[in-house]
Protein backbone atom coordinates (compact mmCIF):
# COMPACT_ATOMS: atom_id res chain seq x y z
CA MET A 1 0.00 0.00 0.00
CA SER A 2 1.38 3.44 -0.86
CA LYS A 3 0.50 6.73 0.77
CA THR A 4 0.98 10.28 -0.41
CA ILE A 5 3.56 12.05 1.78
CA ALA A 6 4.08 15.30 -0.16
CA SER A 7 2.76 16.86 -3.31
CA GLY A 8 3.72 14.47 -6.13
CA SER A 9 5.44 12.04 -3.76
CA ASN A 10 4.29 8.57 -2.76
CA THR A 11 5.62 5.94 -0.41
CA GLY A 12 6.22 2.44 -1.66
CA GLN A 13 7.71 -0.80 -0.49
CA VAL A 14 10.85 -2.80 -1.10
CA GLY A 15 10.27 -6.55 -1.13
CA ARG A 16 12.63 -9.09 0.39
CA ARG A 17 14.25 -9.74 -3.03
CA GLY A 18 14.70 -6.02 -3.73
CA THR A 19 11.48 -5.61 -5.71
CA ILE A 20 10.31 -1.99 -5.68
CA VAL A 21 6.55 -1.52 -5.53
CA LEU A 22 5.14 1.75 -6.95
CA SER A 23 1.54 2.88 -6.68
CA ALA A 24 -0.78 2.11 -9.60
CA ALA A 25 -1.28 5.84 -10.19
CA THR A 26 2.48 6.41 -10.48
CA ARG A 27 2.90 3.43 -12.84
CA ARG A 28 0.07 4.72 -15.06
CA ARG A 29 1.40 8.29 -15.05
CA TYR A 30 4.81 7.15 -16.33
CA GLY A 31 3.68 4.26 -18.52
CA LEU A 32 5.38 1.62 -16.39
CA GLU A 33 4.20 -1.95 -16.85
CA ASP A 34 5.39 -5.33 -15.66
CA GLY A 35 8.97 -5.69 -16.91
CA SER A 36 9.47 -1.97 -17.66
CA LEU A 37 13.01 -0.69 -17.28
CA PHE A 38 13.96 2.15 -14.97
CA ILE A 39 17.09 3.98 -13.89
CA SER A 40 17.87 4.47 -10.22
CA GLU A 41 20.24 7.30 -9.46
CA GLU A 42 21.80 7.84 -6.05
CA ARG A 43 21.71 11.46 -4.95
CA PRO A 44 22.74 13.18 -1.72
CA ASP A 45 19.09 13.52 -0.67
CA GLY A 46 17.91 10.03 -1.70
CA ILE A 47 17.29 7.86 -4.75
CA LEU A 48 15.77 9.12 -7.99
CA ILE A 49 13.85 6.51 -10.00
CA ARG A 50 12.92 7.34 -13.60
CA PRO A 51 11.69 5.40 -16.62
CA ALA A 52 14.33 4.14 -19.05
CA VAL A 53 14.26 3.07 -22.67
CA ALA A 54 16.54 0.32 -23.94
CA VAL A 55 18.13 1.22 -27.26
CA PRO A 56 19.91 -1.55 -29.14
CA ALA A 57 23.55 -0.73 -29.78
CA ASP A 58 25.05 -0.94 -33.24
CA LEU A 59 27.39 -3.79 -32.32
CA GLU A 60 29.26 -3.71 -35.60
CA ALA A 61 30.12 -0.02 -35.12
CA VAL A 62 31.30 -0.78 -31.57
CA ARG A 63 33.44 -3.68 -32.82
CA ARG A 64 34.99 -1.48 -35.52
CA GLN A 65 35.88 1.22 -33.00
CA ILE A 66 37.40 -1.34 -30.65
CA LYS A 67 39.46 -2.81 -33.51
CA VAL A 68 40.72 0.64 -34.52
CA GLY A 69 41.75 1.33 -30.91
CA LEU A 70 43.49 -2.04 -30.53
CA ASP A 71 45.31 -1.57 -33.84
CA GLN A 72 46.55 1.83 -32.64
CA LEU A 73 47.76 0.34 -29.37
CA ASN A 74 49.50 -2.51 -31.23
CA ARG A 75 51.36 0.10 -33.31
CA GLY A 76 52.45 1.82 -30.11
CA GLU A 77 50.30 4.85 -30.75
CA GLY A 78 49.19 6.37 -27.49
CA ILE A 79 45.87 8.14 -27.17
CA PRO A 80 45.91 11.12 -24.78
CA GLY A 81 43.60 10.52 -21.82
CA ASP A 82 41.80 13.86 -22.18
CA GLU A 83 41.06 13.08 -25.83
CA VAL A 84 39.61 9.68 -24.88
CA GLU A 85 37.53 11.24 -22.11
CA ALA A 86 36.14 13.91 -24.47
CA LYS A 87 35.26 11.31 -27.10
CA LEU A 88 33.57 9.05 -24.53
CA LYS A 89 31.50 11.99 -23.30
CA ARG A 90 30.42 12.79 -26.90
CA LEU A 91 29.55 9.15 -27.59
CA SER A 92 27.59 8.93 -24.34
CA ALA A 93 25.67 12.15 -25.09
CA ASN A 94 24.89 10.93 -28.63
CA PHE A 95 23.70 7.58 -27.31
CA ARG A 96 21.45 9.20 -24.70
CA SER A 97 19.93 11.58 -27.23
CA ARG A 98 18.90 8.76 -29.58
CA LYS A 99 15.20 8.01 -29.40
CA LYS A 100 13.59 4.88 -30.77
């Protein structure tokens, strides 16, 4: 059973196997059904739970990028850490912005 504790907030329960139970109204509002994916994000003031969408990765593109990187390493070509970090951030932002 869930109870409203503040405007837009509801209590819920955590089952013994870690199952999180949300109110029916909350599930309807966010389109959550049995088996729906969500993201839990730890924050200083608690845990944020939000709906997630699984997007299939282009595995061939990932394999090609890995091969290019391994080939560079095999040739002794170093990749500056800040360049790698910047590229990973761009790839991550592009991946998150994709909608399917």
